[in-house]
Amino acid sequence: MTKDELRKWIRSEKKKITLAEKQQRSKAIWQHLEKNDKFLSASVVLLYWSMDDEVYTHEFVQKWAAQKTLLLPVVDGDNLRIKPFTGIENMMISEQFGIGEPIGDDFDDLSKIEVIIVPGVAFDKKRNRMGRGRGYYDKLLSTNNAYKIGVGFDFQIQEAVPVEQFDIPMDCVISESGVFL
């Protein structure tokens, strides 16, 4: 499949999942992550505030915010700015994507990020990631040496995804069925 065909198929599969089912499947993913040594030992973690069609993160972010410095991305044009999560009361809904983004100062020292939890449209068992096509995460990941963990539902894990030279592979990928290293 081409990238466009795969994105279309994944989008149709995501529409079949109810919110309750998505939240349940997401809990299984987070249970795997909570056993990951890199995540457990990290003090600074970049997560994301999930969109409606992504692995659900809202409860997970709030759960771990008291134990780690959690950072969330903010879309700024063609780039991601990184800001600390300081509570749901310090979030606003972005105009561009309608998702929660933290308000406040940017987190400027990206070298302190130890683990990045990365959403994707599709992943493969070689840990390649296919995103939405805007390159936000690839730009960020290319400038950072953090341990990269891709998260997706089982149907998002493919035998192979189309990759290009600028696509950054993950260090591991987690779905509700398990972990691919």
C-alpha atoms as a PDB file:
ATOM      1  CA  MET A   1       0.000   0.000   0.000  1.00  0.00           C
ATOM      2  CA  THR A   2       1.069   3.564  -0.603  1.00  0.00           C
ATOM      3  CA  LYS A   3       1.210   5.987   2.329  1.00  0.00           C
ATOM      4  CA  ASP A   4      -2.094   7.555   1.246  1.00  0.00           C
ATOM      5  CA  GLU A   5      -3.816   4.168   0.919  1.00  0.00           C
ATOM      6  CA  LEU A   6      -2.523   3.024   4.302  1.00  0.00           C
ATOM      7  CA  ARG A   7      -3.587   6.282   5.987  1.00  0.00           C
ATOM      8  CA  LYS A   8      -7.072   5.906   4.493  1.00  0.00           C
ATOM      9  CA  TRP A   9      -7.387   2.270   5.634  1.00  0.00           C
ATOM     10  CA  ILE A  10      -6.167   3.071   9.171  1.00  0.00           C
ATOM     11  CA  ARG A  11      -8.571   6.030   9.359  1.00  0.00           C
ATOM     12  CA  SER A  12     -11.486   3.733   8.452  1.00  0.00           C
ATOM     13  CA  GLU A  13     -10.403   1.174  11.084  1.00  0.00           C
ATOM     14  CA  LYS A  14     -10.164   3.874  13.756  1.00  0.00           C
ATOM     15  CA  LYS A  15     -13.735   4.968  13.022  1.00  0.00           C
ATOM     16  CA  LYS A  16     -14.960   1.481  13.941  1.00  0.00           C
ATOM     17  CA  ILE A  17     -13.739   1.843  17.545  1.00  0.00           C
ATOM     18  CA  THR A  18     -15.978   3.408  20.165  1.00  0.00           C
ATOM     19  CA  LEU A  19     -14.512   5.824  22.699  1.00  0.00           C
ATOM     20  CA  ALA A  20     -14.949   3.238  25.460  1.00  0.00           C
ATOM     21  CA  GLU A  21     -13.150   0.571  23.415  1.00  0.00           C
ATOM     22  CA  LYS A  22     -10.362   3.003  22.523  1.00  0.00           C
ATOM     23  CA  GLN A  23      -9.874   3.857  26.197  1.00  0.00           C
ATOM     24  CA  GLN A  24      -9.801   0.163  27.152  1.00  0.00           C
ATOM     25  CA  ARG A  25      -7.290  -0.702  24.428  1.00  0.00           C
ATOM     26  CA  SER A  26      -5.190   2.303  25.438  1.00  0.00           C
ATOM     27  CA  LYS A  27      -5.040   1.068  29.047  1.00  0.00           C
ATOM     28  CA  ALA A  28      -3.482  -2.176  27.798  1.00  0.00           C
ATOM     29  CA  ILE A  29      -0.825  -0.164  25.938  1.00  0.00           C
ATOM     30  CA  TRP A  30      -0.048   1.917  29.033  1.00  0.00           C
ATOM     31  CA  GLN A  31       0.246  -1.237  31.150  1.00  0.00           C
ATOM     32  CA  HIS A  32       3.005  -2.441  28.808  1.00  0.00           C
ATOM     33  CA  LEU A  33       4.700   0.964  28.928  1.00  0.00           C
ATOM     34  CA  GLU A  34       4.624   1.006  32.723  1.00  0.00           C
ATOM     35  CA  LYS A  35       6.873  -2.092  32.654  1.00  0.00           C
ATOM     36  CA  ASN A  36       9.412  -0.464  30.321  1.00  0.00           C
ATOM     37  CA  ASP A  37      12.713   0.202  32.120  1.00  0.00           C
ATOM     38  CA  LYS A  38      13.530   3.279  30.015  1.00  0.00           C
ATOM     39  CA  PHE A  39      10.173   4.870  30.845  1.00  0.00           C
ATOM     40  CA  LEU A  40      10.339   3.939  34.528  1.00  0.00           C
ATOM     41  CA  SER A  41      13.835   5.381  35.003  1.00  0.00           C
ATOM     42  CA  ALA A  42      13.203   8.573  33.001  1.00  0.00           C
ATOM     43  CA  SER A  43      12.543  11.778  34.869  1.00  0.00           C
ATOM     44  CA  VAL A  44      11.697  13.892  31.787  1.00  0.00           C
ATOM     45  CA  VAL A  45       9.234  12.397  29.290  1.00  0.00           C
ATOM     46  CA  LEU A  46       7.632  13.921  26.207  1.00  0.00           C
ATOM     47  CA  LEU A  47       4.105  12.577  25.732  1.00  0.00           C
ATOM     48  CA  TYR A  48       1.179  13.958  23.721  1.00  0.00           C
ATOM     49  CA  TRP A  49      -2.389  14.980  24.489  1.00  0.00           C
ATOM     50  CA  SER A  50      -4.360  12.615  22.281  1.00  0.00           C
ATOM     51  CA  MET A  51      -6.589  13.577  19.405  1.00  0.00           C
ATOM     52  CA  ASP A  52      -9.892  11.731  19.018  1.00  0.00           C
ATOM     53  CA  ASP A  53      -8.380   9.051  16.780  1.00  0.00           C
ATOM     54  CA  GLU A  54      -5.169   8.357  18.710  1.00  0.00           C
ATOM     55  CA  VAL A  55      -4.181   6.115  21.607  1.00  0.00           C
ATOM     56  CA  TYR A  56      -5.918   7.861  24.518  1.00  0.00           C
ATOM     57  CA  THR A  57      -3.424   9.652  26.785  1.00  0.00           C
ATOM     58  CA  HIS A  58      -5.400  12.042  29.005  1.00  0.00           C
ATOM     59  CA  GLU A  59      -5.640   9.829  32.103  1.00  0.00           C
ATOM     60  CA  PHE A  60      -2.104   8.507  31.639  1.00  0.00           C
ATOM     61  CA  VAL A  61      -0.630  12.020  31.462  1.00  0.00           C
ATOM     62  CA  GLN A  62      -2.483  13.090  34.603  1.00  0.00           C
ATOM     63  CA  LYS A  63      -1.456   9.901  36.439  1.00  0.00           C
ATOM     64  CA  TRP A  64       2.281  10.336  35.820  1.00  0.00           C
ATOM     65  CA  ALA A  65       2.490  14.142  36.053  1.00  0.00           C
ATOM     66  CA  ALA A  66       3.143  14.003  39.806  1.00  0.00           C
ATOM     67  CA  GLN A  67       6.057  11.575  39.375  1.00  0.00           C
ATOM     68  CA  LYS A  68       7.857  12.863  36.292  1.00  0.00           C
ATOM     69  CA  THR A  69       8.381  16.053  34.360  1.00  0.00           C
ATOM     70  CA  LEU A  70       5.895  15.516  31.544  1.00  0.00           C
ATOM     71  CA  LEU A  71       6.102  17.594  28.422  1.00  0.00           C
ATOM     72  CA  LEU A  72       3.529  17.999  25.670  1.00  0.00           C
ATOM     73  CA  PRO A  73       3.907  19.335  22.131  1.00  0.00           C
ATOM     74  CA  VAL A  74       2.283  22.529  20.904  1.00  0.00           C
ATOM     75  CA  VAL A  75       1.889  22.947  17.148  1.00  0.00           C
ATOM     76  CA  ASP A  76       3.428  26.208  15.944  1.00  0.00           C
ATOM     77  CA  GLY A  77       3.242  26.498  12.172  1.00  0.00           C
ATOM     78  CA  ASP A  78       5.301  23.629  10.766  1.00  0.00           C
ATOM     79  CA  ASN A  79       7.077  22.844  14.040  1.00  0.00           C
ATOM     80  CA  LEU A  80       6.405  21.543  17.523  1.00  0.00           C
ATOM     81  CA  ARG A  81       7.143  23.654  20.562  1.00  0.00           C
ATOM     82  CA  ILE A  82       7.486  21.734  23.808  1.00  0.00           C
ATOM     83  CA  LYS A  83       5.835  22.863  27.040  1.00  0.00           C
ATOM     84  CA  PRO A  84       5.577  21.318  30.514  1.00  0.00           C
ATOM     85  CA  PHE A  85       2.248  19.801  31.528  1.00  0.00           C
ATOM     86  CA  THR A  86       1.303  21.556  34.773  1.00  0.00           C
ATOM     87  CA  GLY A  87      -2.269  20.337  35.082  1.00  0.00           C
ATOM     88  CA  ILE A  88      -5.384  20.155  32.996  1.00  0.00           C
ATOM     89  CA  GLU A  89      -6.416  23.564  34.327  1.00  0.00           C
ATOM     90  CA  ASN A  90      -3.383  25.019  32.487  1.00  0.00           C
ATOM     91  CA  MET A  91      -4.405  23.736  29.069  1.00  0.00           C
ATOM     92  CA  MET A  92      -6.142  25.433  26.182  1.00  0.00           C
ATOM     93  CA  ILE A  93      -7.723  24.022  23.042  1.00  0.00           C
ATOM     94  CA  SER A  94      -5.595  24.680  19.970  1.00  0.00           C
ATOM     95  CA  GLU A  95      -7.192  26.448  17.050  1.00  0.00           C
ATOM     96  CA  GLN A  96      -5.357  24.354  14.471  1.00  0.00           C
ATOM     97  CA  PHE A  97      -6.251  20.823  15.625  1.00  0.00           C
ATOM     98  CA  GLY A  98      -8.742  21.308  18.460  1.00  0.00           C
ATOM     99  CA  ILE A  99      -6.600  19.408  20.975  1.00  0.00           C
ATOM    100  CA  GLY A 100      -5.438  20.346  24.436  1.00  0.00           C
ATOM    101  CA  GLU A 101      -2.109  22.124  24.614  1.00  0.00           C
ATOM    102  CA  PRO A 102      -0.323  23.416  27.713  1.00  0.00           C
ATOM    103  CA  ILE A 103       0.024  27.141  28.240  1.00  0.00           C
ATOM    104  CA  GLY A 104       3.111  28.720  29.733  1.00  0.00           C
ATOM    105  CA  ASP A 105       6.784  28.877  28.864  1.00  0.00           C
ATOM    106  CA  ASP A 106       8.524  26.558  26.429  1.00  0.00           C
ATOM    107  CA  PHE A 107      10.774  23.783  27.723  1.00  0.00           C
ATOM    108  CA  ASP A 108      13.959  24.892  25.993  1.00  0.00           C
ATOM    109  CA  ASP A 109      16.533  22.245  26.906  1.00  0.00           C
ATOM    110  CA  LEU A 110      15.351  19.393  24.704  1.00  0.00           C
ATOM    111  CA  SER A 111      18.520  17.432  25.515  1.00  0.00           C
ATOM    112  CA  LYS A 112      17.014  16.720  28.956  1.00  0.00           C
ATOM    113  CA  ILE A 113      14.200  14.664  27.404  1.00  0.00           C
ATOM    114  CA  GLU A 114      14.961  11.014  28.131  1.00  0.00           C
ATOM    115  CA  VAL A 115      11.918   9.296  26.573  1.00  0.00           C
ATOM    116  CA  ILE A 116       9.530  10.400  23.836  1.00  0.00           C
ATOM    117  CA  ILE A 117       6.164   8.658  23.450  1.00  0.00           C
ATOM    118  CA  VAL A 118       5.245   9.035  19.793  1.00  0.00           C
ATOM    119  CA  PRO A 119       1.835   8.593  18.165  1.00  0.00           C
ATOM    120  CA  GLY A 120       1.643   7.385  14.595  1.00  0.00           C
ATOM    121  CA  VAL A 121      -0.739   6.372  11.872  1.00  0.00           C
ATOM    122  CA  ALA A 122       1.059   3.050  11.392  1.00  0.00           C
ATOM    123  CA  PHE A 123       4.156   1.204  12.576  1.00  0.00           C
ATOM    124  CA  ASP A 124       5.850  -1.974  11.435  1.00  0.00           C
ATOM    125  CA  LYS A 125       7.672  -4.725  13.259  1.00  0.00           C
ATOM    126  CA  LYS A 126      11.005  -3.170  12.276  1.00  0.00           C
ATOM    127  CA  ARG A 127       9.909  -0.144  14.358  1.00  0.00           C
ATOM    128  CA  ASN A 128       9.387   2.135  11.385  1.00  0.00           C
ATOM    129  CA  ARG A 129       6.742   4.826  11.873  1.00  0.00           C
ATOM    130  CA  MET A 130       4.416   6.496   9.435  1.00  0.00           C
ATOM    131  CA  GLY A 131       2.868   9.731  10.667  1.00  0.00           C
ATOM    132  CA  ARG A 132       0.141  11.976   9.341  1.00  0.00           C
ATOM    133  CA  GLY A 133       2.443  13.423   6.700  1.00  0.00           C
ATOM    134  CA  ARG A 134       3.291  16.823   8.140  1.00  0.00           C
ATOM    135  CA  GLY A 135       6.701  15.785   9.530  1.00  0.00           C
ATOM    136  CA  TYR A 136       6.228  17.374  12.970  1.00  0.00           C
ATOM    137  CA  TYR A 137       7.667  14.450  14.899  1.00  0.00           C
ATOM    138  CA  ASP A 138      10.368  13.580  12.366  1.00  0.00           C
ATOM    139  CA  LYS A 139      11.776  17.119  12.678  1.00  0.00           C
ATOM    140  CA  LEU A 140      11.751  16.896  16.470  1.00  0.00           C
ATOM    141  CA  LEU A 141      13.127  13.348  16.630  1.00  0.00           C
ATOM    142  CA  SER A 142      15.977  14.151  14.243  1.00  0.00           C
ATOM    143  CA  THR A 143      17.360  16.677  16.748  1.00  0.00           C
ATOM    144  CA  ASN A 144      17.022  14.573  19.895  1.00  0.00           C
ATOM    145  CA  ASN A 145      18.708  11.431  21.240  1.00  0.00           C
ATOM    146  CA  ALA A 146      15.875  10.400  23.576  1.00  0.00           C
ATOM    147  CA  TYR A 147      14.572   6.828  23.634  1.00  0.00           C
ATOM    148  CA  LYS A 148      11.638   6.771  21.199  1.00  0.00           C
ATOM    149  CA  ILE A 149       8.565   4.645  21.956  1.00  0.00           C
ATOM    150  CA  GLY A 150       5.842   4.460  19.325  1.00  0.00           C
ATOM    151  CA  VAL A 151       2.319   3.637  20.485  1.00  0.00           C
ATOM    152  CA  GLY A 152      -0.561   2.358  18.380  1.00  0.00           C
ATOM    153  CA  PHE A 153      -3.441  -0.077  18.343  1.00  0.00           C
ATOM    154  CA  ASP A 154      -2.901  -3.613  17.034  1.00  0.00           C
ATOM    155  CA  PHE A 155      -4.383  -2.838  13.599  1.00  0.00           C
ATOM    156  CA  GLN A 156      -1.841  -0.002  13.231  1.00  0.00           C
ATOM    157  CA  ILE A 157       1.028  -2.515  13.375  1.00  0.00           C
ATOM    158  CA  GLN A 158       1.749  -3.591   9.803  1.00  0.00           C
ATOM    159  CA  GLU A 159       4.259  -5.988   8.254  1.00  0.00           C
ATOM    160  CA  ALA A 160       5.888  -3.005   6.548  1.00  0.00           C
ATOM    161  CA  VAL A 161       5.155   0.694   6.216  1.00  0.00           C
ATOM    162  CA  PRO A 162       6.493   2.910   3.434  1.00  0.00           C
ATOM    163  CA  VAL A 163       9.496   4.849   4.714  1.00  0.00           C
ATOM    164  CA  GLU A 164      11.553   7.693   3.349  1.00  0.00           C
ATOM    165  CA  GLN A 165      15.057   8.867   4.239  1.00  0.00           C
ATOM    166  CA  PHE A 166      13.818  11.497   6.715  1.00  0.00           C
ATOM    167  CA  ASP A 167      11.550   9.066   8.636  1.00  0.00           C
ATOM    168  CA  ILE A 168      12.930   8.349  12.115  1.00  0.00           C
ATOM    169  CA  PRO A 169      12.488   4.764  13.400  1.00  0.00           C
ATOM    170  CA  MET A 170      11.384   4.071  16.961  1.00  0.00           C
ATOM    171  CA  ASP A 171      13.480   2.280  19.563  1.00  0.00           C
ATOM    172  CA  CYS A 172      10.422   0.203  20.432  1.00  0.00           C
ATOM    173  CA  VAL A 173       6.743   0.078  19.499  1.00  0.00           C
ATOM    174  CA  ILE A 174       3.947  -0.836  21.894  1.00  0.00           C
ATOM    175  CA  SER A 175       0.434  -1.970  21.018  1.00  0.00           C
ATOM    176  CA  GLU A 176      -2.171  -3.579  23.225  1.00  0.00           C
ATOM    177  CA  SER A 177      -0.747  -7.012  22.290  1.00  0.00           C
ATOM    178  CA  GLY A 178       2.807  -6.284  23.318  1.00  0.00           C
ATOM    179  CA  VAL A 179       6.159  -4.664  22.670  1.00  0.00           C
ATOM    180  CA  PHE A 180       8.305  -4.762  19.523  1.00  0.00           C
ATOM    181  CA  LEU A 181      12.006  -4.089  20.199  1.00  0.00           C
END
